[in-house]
Amino acid sequence: MLSILTLLIVLTLSILITRIASVALSHTGLTRETARFQARSAFTGVGFTTSESEKLVNHPVRRKILQMLMLVGNAGVITAVSSLILSFIDGGKGDLFWKVALILAGSATLLALASSKWVDRHLSNLISRALKRTTSLEIKDYAGMLRLAGDFQVTELQVKERDWLEGLQLKDGALPDEGIIVLGITRKDGTYIGAPKGDTVIRPGDLLILYGRSAAVSKLDQRKQGAKGDEDHVRGVAEHEQIQEQEKIKDESAAASKGEPGDREKHEIRNGSTSSPPCSS
């Protein structure tokens, strides 16, 4: 049983270490999904894609985090495999069922904790505070700065041939009308264009960095050229305008409940156009 306990402890530490590394990587500007994937890849030594590895290796802080992960990961994997082998060698055959049951139960518990959004949120906050106090890592809450709450996210979209965006200038795509902002473009040859202008042409193979609602970005990713694609764009604009109107009503209701003037009243006050009530004689 000692070997099984050792295995579960190693697995727990492995999950904790990769979680710490993923939080640290996210504070260097990576998205949470990318940071988590790269942390697990480096820890297990399975490798990662060339384009993403260049972003990580060329960044000094990210490179240091990955080096520590690779070093600790090699020792952790070897220890876990050794403990697993010893757990089945040690003891009689009659204990085999209970050993397997204990390993499965422990692994399922760890998986449930690792997948829990509540645990992820509180653990990430705790790790962020600990990193800020104990390391020289420049901690920046990119998710907080970009207001990545609710349905908003920063994500990447690969432009393929016959996609609706292919060949369009950014101004012709009118993505802001759908609630999507293009933060940057990585060309196929590796050239990066930050804060691209409206006359920037979108080419096949471009990797767009987008900020917007996940549902809108998902629909954009599936949109193809042609009349149907144009209709989907018009529909996306209408949906965004409807959402904005709902948000405006909610915002004005919240302001009214606090006794604050609404946007229209503020505009009238600012322009001096507030009419006085008629005086009664």
C-alpha atoms as a PDB file:
ATOM      1  CA  MET A   1       0.000   0.000   0.000  1.00  0.00           C
ATOM      2  CA  LEU A   2       2.946   2.320   0.565  1.00  0.00           C
ATOM      3  CA  SER A   3       3.838   2.167  -3.122  1.00  0.00           C
ATOM      4  CA  ILE A   4       0.242   3.067  -4.094  1.00  0.00           C
ATOM      5  CA  LEU A   5       0.277   5.990  -1.669  1.00  0.00           C
ATOM      6  CA  THR A   6       3.577   7.106  -3.186  1.00  0.00           C
ATOM      7  CA  LEU A   7       2.046   6.916  -6.657  1.00  0.00           C
ATOM      8  CA  LEU A   8      -0.948   9.059  -5.657  1.00  0.00           C
ATOM      9  CA  ILE A   9       1.320  11.609  -3.972  1.00  0.00           C
ATOM     10  CA  VAL A  10       3.483  11.814  -7.115  1.00  0.00           C
ATOM     11  CA  LEU A  11       0.386  12.307  -9.275  1.00  0.00           C
ATOM     12  CA  THR A  12      -0.901  15.017  -6.936  1.00  0.00           C
ATOM     13  CA  LEU A  13       2.427  16.837  -7.003  1.00  0.00           C
ATOM     14  CA  SER A  14       2.581  16.500 -10.793  1.00  0.00           C
ATOM     15  CA  ILE A  15      -0.839  18.105 -11.214  1.00  0.00           C
ATOM     16  CA  LEU A  16       0.096  20.872  -8.771  1.00  0.00           C
ATOM     17  CA  ILE A  17       3.427  21.563 -10.489  1.00  0.00           C
ATOM     18  CA  THR A  18       1.883  21.758 -13.962  1.00  0.00           C
ATOM     19  CA  ARG A  19      -0.867  24.012 -12.606  1.00  0.00           C
ATOM     20  CA  ILE A  20       1.709  26.375 -11.080  1.00  0.00           C
ATOM     21  CA  ALA A  21       3.653  26.397 -14.348  1.00  0.00           C
ATOM     22  CA  SER A  22       0.534  27.041 -16.430  1.00  0.00           C
ATOM     23  CA  VAL A  23      -0.419  30.003 -14.217  1.00  0.00           C
ATOM     24  CA  ALA A  24       3.138  31.347 -14.488  1.00  0.00           C
ATOM     25  CA  LEU A  25       3.088  30.968 -18.274  1.00  0.00           C
ATOM     26  CA  SER A  26      -0.292  32.683 -18.518  1.00  0.00           C
ATOM     27  CA  HIS A  27       1.186  35.665 -16.680  1.00  0.00           C
ATOM     28  CA  THR A  28       3.728  36.020 -19.508  1.00  0.00           C
ATOM     29  CA  GLY A  29       0.912  36.680 -21.981  1.00  0.00           C
ATOM     30  CA  LEU A  30      -0.136  33.202 -23.132  1.00  0.00           C
ATOM     31  CA  THR A  31      -3.788  32.235 -23.123  1.00  0.00           C
ATOM     32  CA  ARG A  32      -4.802  29.826 -20.364  1.00  0.00           C
ATOM     33  CA  GLU A  33      -5.465  27.009 -22.827  1.00  0.00           C
ATOM     34  CA  THR A  34      -2.079  27.415 -24.520  1.00  0.00           C
ATOM     35  CA  ALA A  35      -0.248  27.761 -21.189  1.00  0.00           C
ATOM     36  CA  ARG A  36      -1.883  24.642 -19.779  1.00  0.00           C
ATOM     37  CA  PHE A  37      -1.139  22.583 -22.890  1.00  0.00           C
ATOM     38  CA  GLN A  38       2.482  23.691 -23.072  1.00  0.00           C
ATOM     39  CA  ALA A  39       3.034  23.057 -19.364  1.00  0.00           C
ATOM     40  CA  ARG A  40       1.727  19.503 -19.639  1.00  0.00           C
ATOM     41  CA  SER A  41       3.726  18.914 -22.820  1.00  0.00           C
ATOM     42  CA  ALA A  42       6.983  20.047 -21.217  1.00  0.00           C
ATOM     43  CA  PHE A  43       6.332  18.105 -18.007  1.00  0.00           C
ATOM     44  CA  THR A  44       5.592  14.840 -19.800  1.00  0.00           C
ATOM     45  CA  GLY A  45       8.217  15.397 -22.502  1.00  0.00           C
ATOM     46  CA  VAL A  46       5.838  14.690 -25.394  1.00  0.00           C
ATOM     47  CA  GLY A  47       6.865  17.831 -27.276  1.00  0.00           C
ATOM     48  CA  PHE A  48       4.845  20.575 -28.931  1.00  0.00           C
ATOM     49  CA  THR A  49       4.386  22.252 -32.309  1.00  0.00           C
ATOM     50  CA  THR A  50       7.188  24.270 -33.917  1.00  0.00           C
ATOM     51  CA  SER A  51       5.343  27.601 -34.090  1.00  0.00           C
ATOM     52  CA  GLU A  52       4.370  27.500 -30.420  1.00  0.00           C
ATOM     53  CA  SER A  53       7.775  26.234 -29.301  1.00  0.00           C
ATOM     54  CA  GLU A  54       9.422  29.260 -30.938  1.00  0.00           C
ATOM     55  CA  LYS A  55       7.188  31.615 -28.959  1.00  0.00           C
ATOM     56  CA  LEU A  56       8.171  29.864 -25.749  1.00  0.00           C
ATOM     57  CA  VAL A  57      11.882  29.288 -26.339  1.00  0.00           C
ATOM     58  CA  ASN A  58      12.493  32.856 -27.542  1.00  0.00           C
ATOM     59  CA  HIS A  59      10.979  34.265 -24.347  1.00  0.00           C
ATOM     60  CA  PRO A  60      13.514  34.125 -21.438  1.00  0.00           C
ATOM     61  CA  VAL A  61      10.934  33.732 -18.636  1.00  0.00           C
ATOM     62  CA  ARG A  62       8.950  31.065 -20.483  1.00  0.00           C
ATOM     63  CA  ARG A  63      12.152  29.208 -21.342  1.00  0.00           C
ATOM     64  CA  LYS A  64      13.166  29.101 -17.678  1.00  0.00           C
ATOM     65  CA  ILE A  65       9.746  27.756 -16.655  1.00  0.00           C
ATOM     66  CA  LEU A  66       9.894  25.030 -19.306  1.00  0.00           C
ATOM     67  CA  GLN A  67      13.406  23.992 -18.269  1.00  0.00           C
ATOM     68  CA  MET A  68      12.257  23.455 -14.689  1.00  0.00           C
ATOM     69  CA  LEU A  69       9.227  21.512 -15.904  1.00  0.00           C
ATOM     70  CA  MET A  70      11.354  19.199 -18.044  1.00  0.00           C
ATOM     71  CA  LEU A  71      13.762  18.548 -15.171  1.00  0.00           C
ATOM     72  CA  VAL A  72      11.058  17.852 -12.594  1.00  0.00           C
ATOM     73  CA  GLY A  73       8.911  15.975 -15.101  1.00  0.00           C
ATOM     74  CA  ASN A  74      11.575  13.383 -15.892  1.00  0.00           C
ATOM     75  CA  ALA A  75      11.986  12.552 -12.212  1.00  0.00           C
ATOM     76  CA  GLY A  76       8.229  12.527 -11.627  1.00  0.00           C
ATOM     77  CA  VAL A  77       7.397  10.180 -14.496  1.00  0.00           C
ATOM     78  CA  ILE A  78      10.122   7.742 -13.501  1.00  0.00           C
ATOM     79  CA  THR A  79       8.960   7.763  -9.868  1.00  0.00           C
ATOM     80  CA  ALA A  80       5.325   7.246 -10.853  1.00  0.00           C
ATOM     81  CA  VAL A  81       6.139   4.301 -13.130  1.00  0.00           C
ATOM     82  CA  SER A  82       8.378   2.742 -10.489  1.00  0.00           C
ATOM     83  CA  SER A  83       5.705   3.092  -7.802  1.00  0.00           C
ATOM     84  CA  LEU A  84       3.094   1.594 -10.110  1.00  0.00           C
ATOM     85  CA  ILE A  85       5.268  -1.440 -10.810  1.00  0.00           C
ATOM     86  CA  LEU A  86       6.101  -1.926  -7.128  1.00  0.00           C
ATOM     87  CA  SER A  87       2.430  -1.685  -6.147  1.00  0.00           C
ATOM     88  CA  PHE A  88       1.661  -4.826  -8.181  1.00  0.00           C
ATOM     89  CA  ILE A  89       4.828  -6.725  -7.318  1.00  0.00           C
ATOM     90  CA  ASP A  90       4.555  -6.126  -3.585  1.00  0.00           C
ATOM     91  CA  GLY A  91       2.082  -8.395  -1.740  1.00  0.00           C
ATOM     92  CA  GLY A  92       0.023 -11.429  -2.701  1.00  0.00           C
ATOM     93  CA  LYS A  93      -2.336 -11.938  -5.579  1.00  0.00           C
ATOM     94  CA  GLY A  94      -5.365 -11.605  -3.301  1.00  0.00           C
ATOM     95  CA  ASP A  95      -4.669  -7.901  -2.861  1.00  0.00           C
ATOM     96  CA  LEU A  96      -4.677  -7.227  -6.610  1.00  0.00           C
ATOM     97  CA  PHE A  97      -8.353  -6.233  -6.728  1.00  0.00           C
ATOM     98  CA  TRP A  98      -8.045  -3.774  -3.843  1.00  0.00           C
ATOM     99  CA  LYS A  99      -4.873  -2.288  -5.286  1.00  0.00           C
ATOM    100  CA  VAL A 100      -6.497  -1.665  -8.643  1.00  0.00           C
ATOM    101  CA  ALA A 101      -9.612  -0.267  -6.941  1.00  0.00           C
ATOM    102  CA  LEU A 102      -7.523   2.064  -4.770  1.00  0.00           C
ATOM    103  CA  ILE A 103      -5.501   3.319  -7.754  1.00  0.00           C
ATOM    104  CA  LEU A 104      -8.651   3.911  -9.823  1.00  0.00           C
ATOM    105  CA  ALA A 105     -10.456   5.650  -6.934  1.00  0.00           C
ATOM    106  CA  GLY A 106      -7.466   7.870  -6.183  1.00  0.00           C
ATOM    107  CA  SER A 107      -6.939   8.718  -9.856  1.00  0.00           C
ATOM    108  CA  ALA A 108     -10.648   9.517 -10.309  1.00  0.00           C
ATOM    109  CA  THR A 109     -10.562  11.824  -7.283  1.00  0.00           C
ATOM    110  CA  LEU A 110      -7.497  13.648  -8.595  1.00  0.00           C
ATOM    111  CA  LEU A 111      -9.088  13.951 -12.045  1.00  0.00           C
ATOM    112  CA  ALA A 112     -12.263  15.406 -10.542  1.00  0.00           C
ATOM    113  CA  LEU A 113     -10.285  17.953  -8.540  1.00  0.00           C
ATOM    114  CA  ALA A 114      -8.139  18.863 -11.551  1.00  0.00           C
ATOM    115  CA  SER A 115     -11.265  19.382 -13.694  1.00  0.00           C
ATOM    116  CA  SER A 116     -13.160  21.406 -11.092  1.00  0.00           C
ATOM    117  CA  LYS A 117     -13.660  25.043 -12.116  1.00  0.00           C
ATOM    118  CA  TRP A 118     -14.035  26.058  -8.460  1.00  0.00           C
ATOM    119  CA  VAL A 119     -10.718  24.459  -7.540  1.00  0.00           C
ATOM    120  CA  ASP A 120      -9.072  25.933 -10.652  1.00  0.00           C
ATOM    121  CA  ARG A 121     -10.250  29.460  -9.852  1.00  0.00           C
ATOM    122  CA  HIS A 122      -9.202  29.438  -6.188  1.00  0.00           C
ATOM    123  CA  LEU A 123      -5.958  27.571  -6.820  1.00  0.00           C
ATOM    124  CA  SER A 124      -4.996  29.935  -9.648  1.00  0.00           C
ATOM    125  CA  ASN A 125      -5.599  32.960  -7.417  1.00  0.00           C
ATOM    126  CA  LEU A 126      -3.540  31.403  -4.643  1.00  0.00           C
ATOM    127  CA  ILE A 127      -0.686  30.537  -7.026  1.00  0.00           C
ATOM    128  CA  SER A 128      -0.732  34.040  -8.525  1.00  0.00           C
ATOM    129  CA  ARG A 129      -0.382  35.644  -5.090  1.00  0.00           C
ATOM    130  CA  ALA A 130       2.392  33.226  -4.140  1.00  0.00           C
ATOM    131  CA  LEU A 131       4.302  33.886  -7.378  1.00  0.00           C
ATOM    132  CA  LYS A 132       4.016  37.619  -6.872  1.00  0.00           C
ATOM    133  CA  ARG A 133       5.414  37.423  -3.336  1.00  0.00           C
ATOM    134  CA  THR A 134       8.119  34.809  -3.766  1.00  0.00           C
ATOM    135  CA  THR A 135       9.457  35.309  -7.317  1.00  0.00           C
ATOM    136  CA  SER A 136      10.746  38.096  -9.526  1.00  0.00           C
ATOM    137  CA  LEU A 137       8.300  37.080 -12.280  1.00  0.00           C
ATOM    138  CA  GLU A 138       6.484  40.097 -13.682  1.00  0.00           C
ATOM    139  CA  ILE A 139       2.918  39.216 -12.750  1.00  0.00           C
ATOM    140  CA  LYS A 140       0.294  40.672 -15.049  1.00  0.00           C
ATOM    141  CA  ASP A 141      -3.314  39.564 -14.976  1.00  0.00           C
ATOM    142  CA  TYR A 142      -3.986  39.691 -18.720  1.00  0.00           C
ATOM    143  CA  ALA A 143      -7.393  38.093 -18.215  1.00  0.00           C
ATOM    144  CA  GLY A 144      -8.332  40.839 -15.795  1.00  0.00           C
ATOM    145  CA  MET A 145      -6.983  43.641 -17.974  1.00  0.00           C
ATOM    146  CA  LEU A 146      -8.935  42.395 -20.989  1.00  0.00           C
ATOM    147  CA  ARG A 147     -12.062  41.753 -18.915  1.00  0.00           C
ATOM    148  CA  LEU A 148     -12.142  38.095 -19.907  1.00  0.00           C
ATOM    149  CA  ALA A 149     -15.362  37.440 -18.082  1.00  0.00           C
ATOM    150  CA  GLY A 150     -18.582  35.831 -19.133  1.00  0.00           C
ATOM    151  CA  ASP A 151     -18.454  34.885 -22.792  1.00  0.00           C
ATOM    152  CA  PHE A 152     -15.431  36.998 -23.785  1.00  0.00           C
ATOM    153  CA  GLN A 153     -12.092  35.456 -24.670  1.00  0.00           C
ATOM    154  CA  VAL A 154      -8.838  36.026 -26.519  1.00  0.00           C
ATOM    155  CA  THR A 155      -8.349  33.272 -29.055  1.00  0.00           C
ATOM    156  CA  GLU A 156      -6.571  32.380 -32.279  1.00  0.00           C
ATOM    157  CA  LEU A 157      -8.211  31.699 -35.634  1.00  0.00           C
ATOM    158  CA  GLN A 158      -6.390  30.087 -38.562  1.00  0.00           C
ATOM    159  CA  VAL A 159      -7.531  31.430 -41.945  1.00  0.00           C
ATOM    160  CA  LYS A 160      -7.850  28.709 -44.561  1.00  0.00           C
ATOM    161  CA  GLU A 161      -8.589  28.845 -48.268  1.00  0.00           C
ATOM    162  CA  ARG A 162     -12.204  29.610 -49.124  1.00  0.00           C
ATOM    163  CA  ASP A 163     -12.808  31.009 -45.649  1.00  0.00           C
ATOM    164  CA  TRP A 164     -15.048  34.077 -45.589  1.00  0.00           C
ATOM    165  CA  LEU A 165     -12.201  36.295 -44.385  1.00  0.00           C
ATOM    166  CA  GLU A 166      -9.684  35.182 -47.023  1.00  0.00           C
ATOM    167  CA  GLY A 167      -8.725  38.022 -49.361  1.00  0.00           C
ATOM    168  CA  LEU A 168     -10.715  40.650 -47.470  1.00  0.00           C
ATOM    169  CA  GLN A 169      -9.338  43.858 -46.044  1.00  0.00           C
ATOM    170  CA  LEU A 170     -10.043  44.210 -42.341  1.00  0.00           C
ATOM    171  CA  LYS A 171     -12.296  47.209 -42.948  1.00  0.00           C
ATOM    172  CA  ASP A 172     -14.366  45.187 -45.435  1.00  0.00           C
ATOM    173  CA  GLY A 173     -14.752  42.334 -42.957  1.00  0.00           C
ATOM    174  CA  ALA A 174     -16.278  44.773 -40.438  1.00  0.00           C
ATOM    175  CA  LEU A 175     -15.595  42.361 -37.602  1.00  0.00           C
ATOM    176  CA  PRO A 176     -16.089  45.016 -34.879  1.00  0.00           C
ATOM    177  CA  ASP A 177     -19.736  45.192 -35.984  1.00  0.00           C
ATOM    178  CA  GLU A 178     -19.986  41.576 -34.838  1.00  0.00           C
ATOM    179  CA  GLY A 179     -18.226  42.332 -31.567  1.00  0.00           C
ATOM    180  CA  ILE A 180     -14.855  40.904 -32.673  1.00  0.00           C
ATOM    181  CA  ILE A 181     -11.596  42.856 -32.574  1.00  0.00           C
ATOM    182  CA  VAL A 182      -8.421  41.757 -34.384  1.00  0.00           C
ATOM    183  CA  LEU A 183      -5.493  42.308 -31.998  1.00  0.00           C
ATOM    184  CA  GLY A 184      -2.791  40.959 -34.291  1.00  0.00           C
ATOM    185  CA  ILE A 185      -1.970  38.816 -37.323  1.00  0.00           C
ATOM    186  CA  THR A 186       0.820  36.277 -37.703  1.00  0.00           C
ATOM    187  CA  ARG A 187       1.622  35.699 -41.363  1.00  0.00           C
ATOM    188  CA  LYS A 188       2.492  32.291 -42.781  1.00  0.00           C
ATOM    189  CA  ASP A 189       6.173  33.285 -42.978  1.00  0.00           C
ATOM    190  CA  GLY A 190       6.216  34.281 -39.294  1.00  0.00           C
ATOM    191  CA  THR A 191       5.816  38.038 -39.786  1.00  0.00           C
ATOM    192  CA  TYR A 192       3.704  39.561 -37.022  1.00  0.00           C
ATOM    193  CA  ILE A 193       1.414  42.565 -37.508  1.00  0.00           C
ATOM    194  CA  GLY A 194       0.246  44.137 -34.266  1.00  0.00           C
ATOM    195  CA  ALA A 195      -2.886  46.305 -34.152  1.00  0.00           C
ATOM    196  CA  PRO A 196      -3.418  45.904 -37.934  1.00  0.00           C
ATOM    197  CA  LYS A 197      -4.978  48.744 -39.906  1.00  0.00           C
ATOM    198  CA  GLY A 198      -8.176  48.558 -41.911  1.00  0.00           C
ATOM    199  CA  ASP A 199      -6.390  48.165 -45.257  1.00  0.00           C
ATOM    200  CA  THR A 200      -4.532  45.030 -44.071  1.00  0.00           C
ATOM    201  CA  VAL A 201      -5.416  42.105 -46.349  1.00  0.00           C
ATOM    202  CA  ILE A 202      -6.165  38.764 -44.712  1.00  0.00           C
ATOM    203  CA  ARG A 203      -4.348  35.932 -46.471  1.00  0.00           C
ATOM    204  CA  PRO A 204      -4.756  32.151 -46.310  1.00  0.00           C
ATOM    205  CA  GLY A 205      -2.484  30.739 -43.633  1.00  0.00           C
ATOM    206  CA  ASP A 206      -2.763  33.860 -41.450  1.00  0.00           C
ATOM    207  CA  LEU A 207      -3.206  33.310 -37.721  1.00  0.00           C
ATOM    208  CA  LEU A 208      -5.533  35.956 -36.300  1.00  0.00           C
ATOM    209  CA  ILE A 209      -5.504  36.884 -32.631  1.00  0.00           C
ATOM    210  CA  LEU A 210      -9.091  37.851 -31.815  1.00  0.00           C
ATOM    211  CA  TYR A 211     -10.923  39.332 -28.853  1.00  0.00           C
ATOM    212  CA  GLY A 212     -14.657  38.816 -28.647  1.00  0.00           C
ATOM    213  CA  ARG A 213     -17.473  36.550 -27.615  1.00  0.00           C
ATOM    214  CA  SER A 214     -16.652  32.881 -27.990  1.00  0.00           C
ATOM    215  CA  ALA A 215     -19.922  32.129 -29.813  1.00  0.00           C
ATOM    216  CA  ALA A 216     -19.267  34.860 -32.404  1.00  0.00           C
ATOM    217  CA  VAL A 217     -15.674  33.707 -32.978  1.00  0.00           C
ATOM    218  CA  SER A 218     -16.822  30.096 -33.348  1.00  0.00           C
ATOM    219  CA  LYS A 219     -19.357  31.074 -36.013  1.00  0.00           C
ATOM    220  CA  LEU A 220     -16.732  33.152 -37.808  1.00  0.00           C
ATOM    221  CA  ASP A 221     -14.361  30.187 -37.876  1.00  0.00           C
ATOM    222  CA  GLN A 222     -16.978  28.081 -39.696  1.00  0.00           C
ATOM    223  CA  ARG A 223     -17.985  30.792 -42.192  1.00  0.00           C
ATOM    224  CA  LYS A 224     -17.167  30.217 -45.864  1.00  0.00           C
ATOM    225  CA  GLN A 225     -17.096  32.493 -48.875  1.00  0.00           C
ATOM    226  CA  GLY A 226     -20.247  33.115 -50.883  1.00  0.00           C
ATOM    227  CA  ALA A 227     -23.724  34.493 -50.398  1.00  0.00           C
ATOM    228  CA  LYS A 228     -24.355  32.373 -47.323  1.00  0.00           C
ATOM    229  CA  GLY A 229     -21.212  33.712 -45.679  1.00  0.00           C
ATOM    230  CA  ASP A 230     -22.356  37.283 -46.332  1.00  0.00           C
ATOM    231  CA  GLU A 231     -25.764  36.461 -44.855  1.00  0.00           C
ATOM    232  CA  ASP A 232     -24.100  34.972 -41.779  1.00  0.00           C
ATOM    233  CA  HIS A 233     -22.129  38.200 -41.365  1.00  0.00           C
ATOM    234  CA  VAL A 234     -25.311  40.293 -41.498  1.00  0.00           C
ATOM    235  CA  ARG A 235     -26.921  37.937 -39.003  1.00  0.00           C
ATOM    236  CA  GLY A 236     -23.877  38.209 -36.725  1.00  0.00           C
ATOM    237  CA  VAL A 237     -24.061  42.015 -36.809  1.00  0.00           C
ATOM    238  CA  ALA A 238     -27.757  41.907 -35.885  1.00  0.00           C
ATOM    239  CA  GLU A 239     -27.085  39.505 -33.005  1.00  0.00           C
ATOM    240  CA  HIS A 240     -24.329  41.746 -31.658  1.00  0.00           C
ATOM    241  CA  GLU A 241     -26.554  44.832 -31.849  1.00  0.00           C
ATOM    242  CA  GLN A 242     -29.264  42.971 -29.968  1.00  0.00           C
ATOM    243  CA  ILE A 243     -26.800  41.933 -27.246  1.00  0.00           C
ATOM    244  CA  GLN A 244     -25.532  45.508 -26.980  1.00  0.00           C
ATOM    245  CA  GLU A 245     -29.081  46.802 -26.601  1.00  0.00           C
ATOM    246  CA  GLN A 246     -29.775  44.276 -23.841  1.00  0.00           C
ATOM    247  CA  GLU A 247     -26.563  45.248 -22.072  1.00  0.00           C
ATOM    248  CA  LYS A 248     -27.459  48.938 -22.347  1.00  0.00           C
ATOM    249  CA  ILE A 249     -30.896  48.336 -20.817  1.00  0.00           C
ATOM    250  CA  LYS A 250     -29.347  46.310 -18.002  1.00  0.00           C
ATOM    251  CA  ASP A 251     -26.728  49.010 -17.377  1.00  0.00           C
ATOM    252  CA  GLU A 252     -29.325  51.788 -17.266  1.00  0.00           C
ATOM    253  CA  SER A 253     -31.527  49.721 -14.940  1.00  0.00           C
ATOM    254  CA  ALA A 254     -28.598  49.206 -12.593  1.00  0.00           C
ATOM    255  CA  ALA A 255     -27.816  52.939 -12.660  1.00  0.00           C
ATOM    256  CA  ALA A 256     -31.456  53.803 -11.998  1.00  0.00           C
ATOM    257  CA  SER A 257     -31.588  51.476  -9.004  1.00  0.00           C
ATOM    258  CA  LYS A 258     -28.632  53.389  -7.535  1.00  0.00           C
ATOM    259  CA  GLY A 259     -30.246  56.763  -8.244  1.00  0.00           C
ATOM    260  CA  GLU A 260     -27.690  57.678 -10.906  1.00  0.00           C
ATOM    261  CA  PRO A 261     -28.681  59.483 -14.144  1.00  0.00           C
ATOM    262  CA  GLY A 262     -28.784  57.352 -17.279  1.00  0.00           C
ATOM    263  CA  ASP A 263     -26.712  57.901 -20.406  1.00  0.00           C
ATOM    264  CA  ARG A 264     -29.380  60.069 -22.018  1.00  0.00           C
ATOM    265  CA  GLU A 265     -29.711  62.277 -18.918  1.00  0.00           C
ATOM    266  CA  LYS A 266     -25.927  62.625 -18.668  1.00  0.00           C
ATOM    267  CA  HIS A 267     -25.786  63.660 -22.334  1.00  0.00           C
ATOM    268  CA  GLU A 268     -28.475  66.271 -21.821  1.00  0.00           C
ATOM    269  CA  ILE A 269     -26.790  67.646 -18.693  1.00  0.00           C
ATOM    270  CA  ARG A 270     -23.421  67.806 -20.435  1.00  0.00           C
ATOM    271  CA  ASN A 271     -24.877  69.685 -23.408  1.00  0.00           C
ATOM    272  CA  GLY A 272     -27.049  71.937 -21.252  1.00  0.00           C
ATOM    273  CA  SER A 273     -30.216  70.750 -22.951  1.00  0.00           C
ATOM    274  CA  THR A 274     -32.073  69.634 -19.834  1.00  0.00           C
ATOM    275  CA  SER A 275     -35.438  71.298 -19.937  1.00  0.00           C
ATOM    276  CA  SER A 276     -36.835  72.830 -16.760  1.00  0.00           C
ATOM    277  CA  PRO A 277     -40.332  71.851 -15.711  1.00  0.00           C
ATOM    278  CA  PRO A 278     -42.975  74.480 -16.463  1.00  0.00           C
ATOM    279  CA  CYS A 279     -43.778  76.825 -13.609  1.00  0.00           C
ATOM    280  CA  SER A 280     -47.343  76.753 -12.381  1.00  0.00           C
ATOM    281  CA  SER A 281     -49.002  80.085 -11.956  1.00  0.00           C
END
